PDB file of N, CA and C in Angstrom:
ATOM      1  N   MET A   1      39.147  12.759  59.407  1.00  0.00           N
ATOM      2  CA  MET A   1      39.129  11.442  58.809  1.00  0.00           C
ATOM      3  C   MET A   1      39.575  10.386  59.815  1.00  0.00           C
ATOM      4  N   TYR A   2      40.609  10.681  60.584  1.00  0.00           N
ATOM      5  CA  TYR A   2      41.103   9.693  61.543  1.00  0.00           C
ATOM      6  C   TYR A   2      40.099   9.422  62.653  1.00  0.00           C
ATOM      7  N   GLY A   3      39.290  10.406  62.986  1.00  0.00           N
ATOM      8  CA  GLY A   3      38.300  10.257  64.041  1.00  0.00           C
ATOM      9  C   GLY A   3      37.113   9.403  63.644  1.00  0.00           C
ATOM     10  N   LYS A   4      37.046   9.009  62.404  1.00  0.00           N
ATOM     11  CA  LYS A   4      35.898   8.243  61.915  1.00  0.00           C
ATOM     12  C   LYS A   4      36.225   6.770  61.689  1.00  0.00           C
ATOM     13  N   ALA A   5      37.251   6.280  62.342  1.00  0.00           N
ATOM     14  CA  ALA A   5      37.667   4.884  62.144  1.00  0.00           C
ATOM     15  C   ALA A   5      36.536   3.914  62.455  1.00  0.00           C
ATOM     16  N   ASP A   6      35.770   4.194  63.510  1.00  0.00           N
ATOM     17  CA  ASP A   6      34.660   3.305  63.871  1.00  0.00           C
ATOM     18  C   ASP A   6      33.574   3.302  62.791  1.00  0.00           C
ATOM     19  N   GLU A   7      33.318   4.475  62.216  1.00  0.00           N
ATOM     20  CA  GLU A   7      32.328   4.566  61.142  1.00  0.00           C
ATOM     21  C   GLU A   7      32.792   3.801  59.901  1.00  0.00           C
ATOM     22  N   TRP A   8      34.066   3.939  59.560  1.00  0.00           N
ATOM     23  CA  TRP A   8      34.616   3.231  58.402  1.00  0.00           C
ATOM     24  C   TRP A   8      34.596   1.719  58.631  1.00  0.00           C
ATOM     25  N   ALA A   9      34.905   1.303  59.843  1.00  0.00           N
ATOM     26  CA  ALA A   9      34.884  -0.129  60.160  1.00  0.00           C
ATOM     27  C   ALA A   9      33.464  -0.680  60.056  1.00  0.00           C
ATOM     28  N   ALA A  10      32.488   0.088  60.516  1.00  0.00           N
ATOM     29  CA  ALA A  10      31.095  -0.342  60.428  1.00  0.00           C
ATOM     30  C   ALA A  10      30.656  -0.446  58.968  1.00  0.00           C
ATOM     31  N   ALA A  11      31.042   0.531  58.151  1.00  0.00           N
ATOM     32  CA  ALA A  11      30.707   0.497  56.723  1.00  0.00           C
ATOM     33  C   ALA A  11      31.363  -0.706  56.054  1.00  0.00           C
ATOM     34  N   ARG A  12      32.623  -0.969  56.402  1.00  0.00           N
ATOM     35  CA  ARG A  12      33.334  -2.140  55.866  1.00  0.00           C
ATOM     36  C   ARG A  12      32.587  -3.422  56.202  1.00  0.00           C
ATOM     37  N   ASP A  13      32.156  -3.541  57.450  1.00  0.00           N
ATOM     38  CA  ASP A  13      31.446  -4.747  57.884  1.00  0.00           C
ATOM     39  C   ASP A  13      30.113  -4.911  57.157  1.00  0.00           C
ATOM     40  N   GLN A  14      29.412  -3.800  56.914  1.00  0.00           N
ATOM     41  CA  GLN A  14      28.151  -3.857  56.181  1.00  0.00           C
ATOM     42  C   GLN A  14      28.375  -4.317  54.740  1.00  0.00           C
ATOM     43  N   ILE A  15      29.420  -3.808  54.124  1.00  0.00           N
ATOM     44  CA  ILE A  15      29.732  -4.206  52.743  1.00  0.00           C
ATOM     45  C   ILE A  15      30.097  -5.678  52.692  1.00  0.00           C
ATOM     46  N   ARG A  16      30.906  -6.117  53.631  1.00  0.00           N
ATOM     47  CA  ARG A  16      31.308  -7.523  53.684  1.00  0.00           C
ATOM     48  C   ARG A  16      30.080  -8.426  53.803  1.00  0.00           C
ATOM     49  N   GLU A  17      29.177  -8.096  54.714  1.00  0.00           N
ATOM     50  CA  GLU A  17      27.975  -8.901  54.897  1.00  0.00           C
ATOM     51  C   GLU A  17      27.109  -8.918  53.641  1.00  0.00           C
ATOM     52  N   ALA A  18      27.016  -7.784  52.965  1.00  0.00           N
ATOM     53  CA  ALA A  18      26.223  -7.717  51.728  1.00  0.00           C
ATOM     54  C   ALA A  18      26.835  -8.611  50.652  1.00  0.00           C
ATOM     55  N   VAL A  19      28.144  -8.576  50.519  1.00  0.00           N
ATOM     56  CA  VAL A  19      28.819  -9.413  49.512  1.00  0.00           C
ATOM     57  C   VAL A  19      28.631 -10.888  49.856  1.00  0.00           C
ATOM     58  N   LEU A  20      28.807 -11.237  51.119  1.00  0.00           N
ATOM     59  CA  LEU A  20      28.664 -12.634  51.519  1.00  0.00           C
ATOM     60  C   LEU A  20      27.234 -13.133  51.303  1.00  0.00           C
ATOM     61  N   ASP A  21      26.262 -12.271  51.520  1.00  0.00           N
ATOM     62  CA  ASP A  21      24.857 -12.659  51.391  1.00  0.00           C
ATOM     63  C   ASP A  21      24.347 -12.541  49.955  1.00  0.00           C
ATOM     64  N   ARG A  22      24.428 -11.362  49.384  1.00  0.00           N
ATOM     65  CA  ARG A  22      23.827 -11.104  48.074  1.00  0.00           C
ATOM     66  C   ARG A  22      24.752 -11.405  46.904  1.00  0.00           C
ATOM     67  N   GLY A  23      26.031 -11.582  47.171  1.00  0.00           N
ATOM     68  CA  GLY A  23      26.976 -11.885  46.100  1.00  0.00           C
ATOM     69  C   GLY A  23      27.085 -13.368  45.785  1.00  0.00           C
ATOM     70  N   TRP A  24      26.515 -14.202  46.630  1.00  0.00           N
ATOM     71  CA  TRP A  24      26.581 -15.653  46.444  1.00  0.00           C
ATOM     72  C   TRP A  24      25.437 -16.129  45.556  1.00  0.00           C
ATOM     73  N   SER A  25      25.764 -16.940  44.557  1.00  0.00           N
ATOM     74  CA  SER A  25      24.765 -17.540  43.680  1.00  0.00           C
ATOM     75  C   SER A  25      24.569 -18.999  44.083  1.00  0.00           C
ATOM     76  N   GLU A  26      23.400 -19.304  44.593  1.00  0.00           N
ATOM     77  CA  GLU A  26      23.088 -20.700  44.932  1.00  0.00           C
ATOM     78  C   GLU A  26      23.098 -21.564  43.678  1.00  0.00           C
ATOM     79  N   LYS A  27      22.577 -21.023  42.588  1.00  0.00           N
ATOM     80  CA  LYS A  27      22.506 -21.772  41.328  1.00  0.00           C
ATOM     81  C   LYS A  27      23.902 -22.180  40.859  1.00  0.00           C
ATOM     82  N   ARG A  28      24.844 -21.247  40.895  1.00  0.00           N
ATOM     83  CA  ARG A  28      26.202 -21.513  40.400  1.00  0.00           C
ATOM     84  C   ARG A  28      27.124 -22.045  41.483  1.00  0.00           C
ATOM     85  N   GLN A  29      26.679 -21.960  42.743  1.00  0.00           N
ATOM     86  CA  GLN A  29      27.509 -22.334  43.886  1.00  0.00           C
ATOM     87  C   GLN A  29      28.845 -21.597  43.818  1.00  0.00           C
ATOM     88  N   ALA A  30      28.722 -20.272  43.611  1.00  0.00           N
ATOM     89  CA  ALA A  30      29.900 -19.414  43.448  1.00  0.00           C
ATOM     90  C   ALA A  30      29.517 -17.965  43.728  1.00  0.00           C
ATOM     91  N   TYR A  31      30.527 -17.146  44.032  1.00  0.00           N
ATOM     92  CA  TYR A  31      30.294 -15.709  44.121  1.00  0.00           C
ATOM     93  C   TYR A  31      30.120 -15.183  42.706  1.00  0.00           C
ATOM     94  N   ALA A  32      29.113 -14.361  42.535  1.00  0.00           N
ATOM     95  CA  ALA A  32      28.702 -13.900  41.214  1.00  0.00           C
ATOM     96  C   ALA A  32      29.297 -12.543  40.864  1.00  0.00           C
ATOM     97  N   GLN A  33      29.084 -12.166  39.624  1.00  0.00           N
ATOM     98  CA  GLN A  33      29.579 -10.909  39.082  1.00  0.00           C
ATOM     99  C   GLN A  33      28.984  -9.710  39.810  1.00  0.00           C
ATOM    100  N   SER A  34      27.714  -9.805  40.204  1.00  0.00           N
ATOM    101  CA  SER A  34      27.042  -8.703  40.886  1.00  0.00           C
ATOM    102  C   SER A  34      25.983  -9.272  41.826  1.00  0.00           C
ATOM    103  N   PHE A  35      25.456  -8.439  42.693  1.00  0.00           N
ATOM    104  CA  PHE A  35      24.439  -8.881  43.646  1.00  0.00           C
ATOM    105  C   PHE A  35      23.239  -9.497  42.927  1.00  0.00           C
ATOM    106  N   ASP A  36      22.751 -10.585  43.521  1.00  0.00           N
ATOM    107  CA  ASP A  36      21.545 -11.254  43.051  1.00  0.00           C
ATOM    108  C   ASP A  36      21.650 -11.727  41.603  1.00  0.00           C
ATOM    109  N   SER A  37      22.842 -12.076  41.181  1.00  0.00           N
ATOM    110  CA  SER A  37      23.112 -12.520  39.818  1.00  0.00           C
ATOM    111  C   SER A  37      23.627 -13.957  39.840  1.00  0.00           C
ATOM    112  N   ASP A  38      23.545 -14.615  38.701  1.00  0.00           N
ATOM    113  CA  ASP A  38      24.128 -15.948  38.539  1.00  0.00           C
ATOM    114  C   ASP A  38      25.313 -15.932  37.575  1.00  0.00           C
ATOM    115  N   GLU A  39      25.703 -14.761  37.105  1.00  0.00           N
ATOM    116  CA  GLU A  39      26.820 -14.641  36.165  1.00  0.00           C
ATOM    117  C   GLU A  39      28.147 -14.706  36.910  1.00  0.00           C
ATOM    118  N   LEU A  40      29.078 -15.457  36.368  1.00  0.00           N
ATOM    119  CA  LEU A  40      30.409 -15.564  36.961  1.00  0.00           C
ATOM    120  C   LEU A  40      31.321 -14.465  36.438  1.00  0.00           C
ATOM    121  N   ASP A  41      32.336 -14.145  37.233  1.00  0.00           N
ATOM    122  CA  ASP A  41      33.330 -13.143  36.854  1.00  0.00           C
ATOM    123  C   ASP A  41      34.651 -13.557  37.501  1.00  0.00           C
ATOM    124  N   ALA A  42      35.690 -13.669  36.710  1.00  0.00           N
ATOM    125  CA  ALA A  42      36.988 -14.085  37.232  1.00  0.00           C
ATOM    126  C   ALA A  42      37.557 -13.089  38.235  1.00  0.00           C
ATOM    127  N   ALA A  43      37.010 -11.887  38.313  1.00  0.00           N
ATOM    128  CA  ALA A  43      37.472 -10.912  39.308  1.00  0.00           C
ATOM    129  C   ALA A  43      37.298 -11.457  40.726  1.00  0.00           C
ATOM    130  N   GLN A  44      36.374 -12.396  40.917  1.00  0.00           N
ATOM    131  CA  GLN A  44      36.183 -12.974  42.243  1.00  0.00           C
ATOM    132  C   GLN A  44      37.416 -13.755  42.699  1.00  0.00           C
ATOM    133  N   LEU A  45      38.297 -14.087  41.771  1.00  0.00           N
ATOM    134  CA  LEU A  45      39.538 -14.762  42.147  1.00  0.00           C
ATOM    135  C   LEU A  45      40.447 -13.853  42.982  1.00  0.00           C
ATOM    136  N   LEU A  46      40.161 -12.566  42.981  1.00  0.00           N
ATOM    137  CA  LEU A  46      40.932 -11.616  43.793  1.00  0.00           C
ATOM    138  C   LEU A  46      40.533 -11.645  45.261  1.00  0.00           C
ATOM    139  N   MET A  47      39.398 -12.198  45.581  1.00  0.00           N
ATOM    140  CA  MET A  47      38.903 -12.169  46.957  1.00  0.00           C
ATOM    141  C   MET A  47      39.921 -12.698  47.966  1.00  0.00           C
ATOM    142  N   PRO A  48      40.554 -13.840  47.737  1.00  0.00           N
ATOM    143  CA  PRO A  48      41.570 -14.292  48.696  1.00  0.00           C
ATOM    144  C   PRO A  48      42.826 -13.410  48.688  1.00  0.00           C
ATOM    145  N   MET A  49      43.158 -12.862  47.541  1.00  0.00           N
ATOM    146  CA  MET A  49      44.370 -12.052  47.421  1.00  0.00           C
ATOM    147  C   MET A  49      44.285 -10.744  48.199  1.00  0.00           C
ATOM    148  N   VAL A  50      43.074 -10.211  48.337  1.00  0.00           N
ATOM    149  CA  VAL A  50      42.906  -8.960  49.069  1.00  0.00           C
ATOM    150  C   VAL A  50      42.451  -9.202  50.511  1.00  0.00           C
ATOM    151  N   GLY A  51      42.400 -10.459  50.923  1.00  0.00           N
ATOM    152  CA  GLY A  51      42.064 -10.790  52.301  1.00  0.00           C
ATOM    153  C   GLY A  51      40.579 -10.822  52.611  1.00  0.00           C
ATOM    154  N   PHE A  52      39.735 -10.827  51.593  1.00  0.00           N
ATOM    155  CA  PHE A  52      38.297 -10.859  51.840  1.00  0.00           C
ATOM    156  C   PHE A  52      37.868 -12.207  52.399  1.00  0.00           C
ATOM    157  N   LEU A  53      38.342 -13.278  51.805  1.00  0.00           N
ATOM    158  CA  LEU A  53      38.099 -14.648  52.259  1.00  0.00           C
ATOM    159  C   LEU A  53      39.355 -15.460  51.998  1.00  0.00           C
ATOM    160  N   PRO A  54      39.634 -16.440  52.841  1.00  0.00           N
ATOM    161  CA  PRO A  54      40.758 -17.323  52.533  1.00  0.00           C
ATOM    162  C   PRO A  54      40.412 -18.251  51.363  1.00  0.00           C
ATOM    163  N   ALA A  55      41.404 -18.627  50.601  1.00  0.00           N
ATOM    164  CA  ALA A  55      41.175 -19.528  49.467  1.00  0.00           C
ATOM    165  C   ALA A  55      40.663 -20.888  49.926  1.00  0.00           C
ATOM    166  N   THR A  56      40.835 -21.200  51.200  1.00  0.00           N
ATOM    167  CA  THR A  56      40.388 -22.479  51.742  1.00  0.00           C
ATOM    168  C   THR A  56      38.933 -22.460  52.200  1.00  0.00           C
ATOM    169  N   ASP A  57      38.295 -21.288  52.206  1.00  0.00           N
ATOM    170  CA  ASP A  57      36.886 -21.188  52.577  1.00  0.00           C
ATOM    171  C   ASP A  57      36.059 -22.032  51.605  1.00  0.00           C
ATOM    172  N   PRO A  58      35.115 -22.829  52.096  1.00  0.00           N
ATOM    173  CA  PRO A  58      34.340 -23.703  51.188  1.00  0.00           C
ATOM    174  C   PRO A  58      33.654 -22.963  50.036  1.00  0.00           C
ATOM    175  N   ARG A  59      33.092 -21.798  50.300  1.00  0.00           N
ATOM    176  CA  ARG A  59      32.447 -21.047  49.222  1.00  0.00           C
ATOM    177  C   ARG A  59      33.486 -20.509  48.239  1.00  0.00           C
ATOM    178  N   MET A  60      34.633 -20.116  48.748  1.00  0.00           N
ATOM    179  CA  MET A  60      35.683 -19.623  47.850  1.00  0.00           C
ATOM    180  C   MET A  60      36.211 -20.766  46.992  1.00  0.00           C
ATOM    181  N   ARG A  61      36.400 -21.937  47.585  1.00  0.00           N
ATOM    182  CA  ARG A  61      36.851 -23.115  46.825  1.00  0.00           C
ATOM    183  C   ARG A  61      35.844 -23.426  45.717  1.00  0.00           C
ATOM    184  N   SER A  62      34.566 -23.368  46.050  1.00  0.00           N
ATOM    185  CA  SER A  62      33.522 -23.638  45.063  1.00  0.00           C
ATOM    186  C   SER A  62      33.544 -22.594  43.950  1.00  0.00           C
ATOM    187  N   THR A  63      33.805 -21.332  44.303  1.00  0.00           N
ATOM    188  CA  THR A  63      33.904 -20.260  43.308  1.00  0.00           C
ATOM    189  C   THR A  63      35.086 -20.495  42.381  1.00  0.00           C
ATOM    190  N   ILE A  64      36.215 -20.856  42.950  1.00  0.00           N
ATOM    191  CA  ILE A  64      37.410 -21.138  42.146  1.00  0.00           C
ATOM    192  C   ILE A  64      37.137 -22.277  41.173  1.00  0.00           C
ATOM    193  N   GLU A  65      36.494 -23.320  41.662  1.00  0.00           N
ATOM    194  CA  GLU A  65      36.176 -24.466  40.809  1.00  0.00           C
ATOM    195  C   GLU A  65      35.184 -24.087  39.706  1.00  0.00           C
ATOM    196  N   ALA A  66      34.183 -23.276  40.031  1.00  0.00           N
ATOM    197  CA  ALA A  66      33.199 -22.854  39.028  1.00  0.00           C
ATOM    198  C   ALA A  66      33.853 -22.007  37.943  1.00  0.00           C
ATOM    199  N   ILE A  67      34.736 -21.107  38.341  1.00  0.00           N
ATOM    200  CA  ILE A  67      35.432 -20.272  37.354  1.00  0.00           C
ATOM    201  C   ILE A  67      36.336 -21.135  36.479  1.00  0.00           C
ATOM    202  N   ALA A  68      37.043 -22.072  37.096  1.00  0.00           N
ATOM    203  CA  ALA A  68      37.918 -22.960  36.321  1.00  0.00           C
ATOM    204  C   ALA A  68      37.105 -23.788  35.334  1.00  0.00           C
ATOM    205  N   ARG A  69      35.942 -24.234  35.761  1.00  0.00           N
ATOM    206  CA  ARG A  69      35.095 -25.081  34.918  1.00  0.00           C
ATOM    207  C   ARG A  69      34.398 -24.284  33.811  1.00  0.00           C
ATOM    208  N   ASP A  70      33.862 -23.117  34.159  1.00  0.00           N
ATOM    209  CA  ASP A  70      32.972 -22.410  33.246  1.00  0.00           C
ATOM    210  C   ASP A  70      33.591 -21.233  32.501  1.00  0.00           C
ATOM    211  N   LEU A  71      34.722 -20.731  32.968  1.00  0.00           N
ATOM    212  CA  LEU A  71      35.305 -19.550  32.324  1.00  0.00           C
ATOM    213  C   LEU A  71      36.682 -19.796  31.728  1.00  0.00           C
ATOM    214  N   THR A  72      37.121 -21.026  31.717  1.00  0.00           N
ATOM    215  CA  THR A  72      38.416 -21.309  31.109  1.00  0.00           C
ATOM    216  C   THR A  72      38.261 -22.254  29.930  1.00  0.00           C
ATOM    217  N   GLU A  73      39.144 -22.060  28.990  1.00  0.00           N
ATOM    218  CA  GLU A  73      39.184 -22.913  27.817  1.00  0.00           C
ATOM    219  C   GLU A  73      40.642 -23.015  27.388  1.00  0.00           C
ATOM    220  N   ASP A  74      41.143 -24.229  27.291  1.00  0.00           N
ATOM    221  CA  ASP A  74      42.531 -24.467  26.913  1.00  0.00           C
ATOM    222  C   ASP A  74      43.505 -23.702  27.806  1.00  0.00           C
ATOM    223  N   GLY A  75      43.186 -23.628  29.109  1.00  0.00           N
ATOM    224  CA  GLY A  75      44.074 -22.990  30.066  1.00  0.00           C
ATOM    225  C   GLY A  75      43.976 -21.482  30.149  1.00  0.00           C
ATOM    226  N   SER A  76      43.137 -20.863  29.328  1.00  0.00           N
ATOM    227  CA  SER A  76      42.965 -19.411  29.361  1.00  0.00           C
ATOM    228  C   SER A  76      41.612 -19.068  29.947  1.00  0.00           C
ATOM    229  N   CYS A  77      41.600 -18.041  30.776  1.00  0.00           N
ATOM    230  CA  CYS A  77      40.354 -17.608  31.403  1.00  0.00           C
ATOM    231  C   CYS A  77      39.726 -16.498  30.575  1.00  0.00           C
ATOM    232  N   SER A  78      38.433 -16.651  30.269  1.00  0.00           N
ATOM    233  CA  SER A  78      37.747 -15.632  29.482  1.00  0.00           C
ATOM    234  C   SER A  78      37.324 -14.449  30.337  1.00  0.00           C
ATOM    235  N   GLY A  79      37.381 -14.560  31.646  1.00  0.00           N
ATOM    236  CA  GLY A  79      37.120 -13.443  32.542  1.00  0.00           C
ATOM    237  C   GLY A  79      35.702 -13.309  32.999  1.00  0.00           C
ATOM    238  N   ILE A  80      34.772 -13.116  32.084  1.00  0.00           N
ATOM    239  CA  ILE A  80      33.383 -12.872  32.455  1.00  0.00           C
ATOM    240  C   ILE A  80      32.488 -13.776  31.637  1.00  0.00           C
ATOM    241  N   ALA A  81      31.538 -14.410  32.313  1.00  0.00           N
ATOM    242  CA  ALA A  81      30.516 -15.171  31.601  1.00  0.00           C
ATOM    243  C   ALA A  81      29.547 -14.171  31.006  1.00  0.00           C
ATOM    244  N   THR A  82      29.207 -14.358  29.766  1.00  0.00           N
ATOM    245  CA  THR A  82      28.333 -13.387  29.112  1.00  0.00           C
ATOM    246  C   THR A  82      27.209 -14.076  28.376  1.00  0.00           C
ATOM    247  N   ALA A  83      26.077 -13.443  28.375  1.00  0.00           N
ATOM    248  CA  ALA A  83      24.940 -13.968  27.623  1.00  0.00           C
ATOM    249  C   ALA A  83      24.856 -13.317  26.253  1.00  0.00           C
ATOM    250  N   ARG A  84      25.719 -12.322  25.987  1.00  0.00           N
ATOM    251  CA  ARG A  84      25.701 -11.671  24.680  1.00  0.00           C
ATOM    252  C   ARG A  84      26.243 -12.620  23.626  1.00  0.00           C
ATOM    253  N   ALA A  85      25.679 -12.561  22.458  1.00  0.00           N
ATOM    254  CA  ALA A  85      26.098 -13.446  21.370  1.00  0.00           C
ATOM    255  C   ALA A  85      27.403 -12.988  20.744  1.00  0.00           C
ATOM    256  N   SER A  86      27.679 -11.692  20.791  1.00  0.00           N
ATOM    257  CA  SER A  86      28.908 -11.216  20.176  1.00  0.00           C
ATOM    258  C   SER A  86      29.389  -9.951  20.860  1.00  0.00           C
ATOM    259  N   THR A  87      30.646  -9.651  20.665  1.00  0.00           N
ATOM    260  CA  THR A  87      31.232  -8.433  21.197  1.00  0.00           C
ATOM    261  C   THR A  87      31.020  -7.322  20.180  1.00  0.00           C
ATOM    262  N   PRO A  88      31.319  -6.065  20.539  1.00  0.00           N
ATOM    263  CA  PRO A  88      31.155  -4.980  19.567  1.00  0.00           C
ATOM    264  C   PRO A  88      31.957  -5.186  18.280  1.00  0.00           C
ATOM    265  N   THR A  89      33.015  -5.989  18.347  1.00  0.00           N
ATOM    266  CA  THR A  89      33.811  -6.228  17.143  1.00  0.00           C
ATOM    267  C   THR A  89      33.231  -7.330  16.270  1.00  0.00           C
ATOM    268  N   GLY A  90      32.183  -7.992  16.797  1.00  0.00           N
ATOM    269  CA  GLY A  90      31.534  -9.022  16.006  1.00  0.00           C
ATOM    270  C   GLY A  90      32.036 -10.426  16.289  1.00  0.00           C
ATOM    271  N   SER A  91      33.061 -10.589  17.112  1.00  0.00           N
ATOM    272  CA  SER A  91      33.550 -11.936  17.414  1.00  0.00           C
ATOM    273  C   SER A  91      32.612 -12.609  18.410  1.00  0.00           C
ATOM    274  N   ARG A  92      32.564 -13.908  18.346  1.00  0.00           N
ATOM    275  CA  ARG A  92      31.683 -14.665  19.232  1.00  0.00           C
ATOM    276  C   ARG A  92      32.210 -14.613  20.654  1.00  0.00           C
ATOM    277  N   ALA A  93      31.324 -14.367  21.590  1.00  0.00           N
ATOM    278  CA  ALA A  93      31.676 -14.399  23.018  1.00  0.00           C
ATOM    279  C   ALA A  93      31.328 -15.776  23.562  1.00  0.00           C
ATOM    280  N   ARG A  94      32.123 -16.270  24.464  1.00  0.00           N
ATOM    281  CA  ARG A  94      31.884 -17.574  25.057  1.00  0.00           C
ATOM    282  C   ARG A  94      30.736 -17.492  26.043  1.00  0.00           C
ATOM    283  N   ARG A  95      29.774 -18.362  25.894  1.00  0.00           N
ATOM    284  CA  ARG A  95      28.650 -18.405  26.830  1.00  0.00           C
ATOM    285  C   ARG A  95      29.018 -19.263  28.016  1.00  0.00           C
ATOM    286  N   ALA A  96      28.569 -18.843  29.183  1.00  0.00           N
ATOM    287  CA  ALA A  96      28.798 -19.641  30.410  1.00  0.00           C
ATOM    288  C   ALA A  96      27.911 -20.864  30.372  1.00  0.00           C
ATOM    289  N   ARG A  97      28.450 -21.947  30.828  1.00  0.00           N
ATOM    290  CA  ARG A  97      27.653 -23.173  30.939  1.00  0.00           C
ATOM    291  C   ARG A  97      26.750 -23.020  32.155  1.00  0.00           C
ATOM    292  N   SER A  98      25.487 -23.270  31.986  1.00  0.00           N
ATOM    293  CA  SER A  98      24.520 -23.124  33.104  1.00  0.00           C
ATOM    294  C   SER A  98      24.379 -24.404  33.862  1.00  0.00           C
TER     295      SER A  98
END
C-alpha cells in the first residue's frame, strides 16, 4: 500500500478534476449534488472544510450563496433540493427555486 502513493495521488487528482469539471452547474452557478446535475445539495458546504477548495474560491462562494438562497428557510437548511412532491411520510418537500 505504501508503495502506491504515486498511484493514489494520480487517482486523487483525477477525481478532483472530475468534480471541478462535471460537478459544476452552469445553470445554478454552484457545485451540484451529482455530476452533470443542476440539483443543489448542502453537502457541498463541506468542500472547504475538507480542504477541497477554499471558501474564498469564486465558485465556492457562488455555491455557498446558492445554497443559502435556495436551500434555507427561516435560517434552517433543508439539505437537498428535491423535485419530489412529497417524502415517503407524505409531508411536502421543499422545491428548489430554479
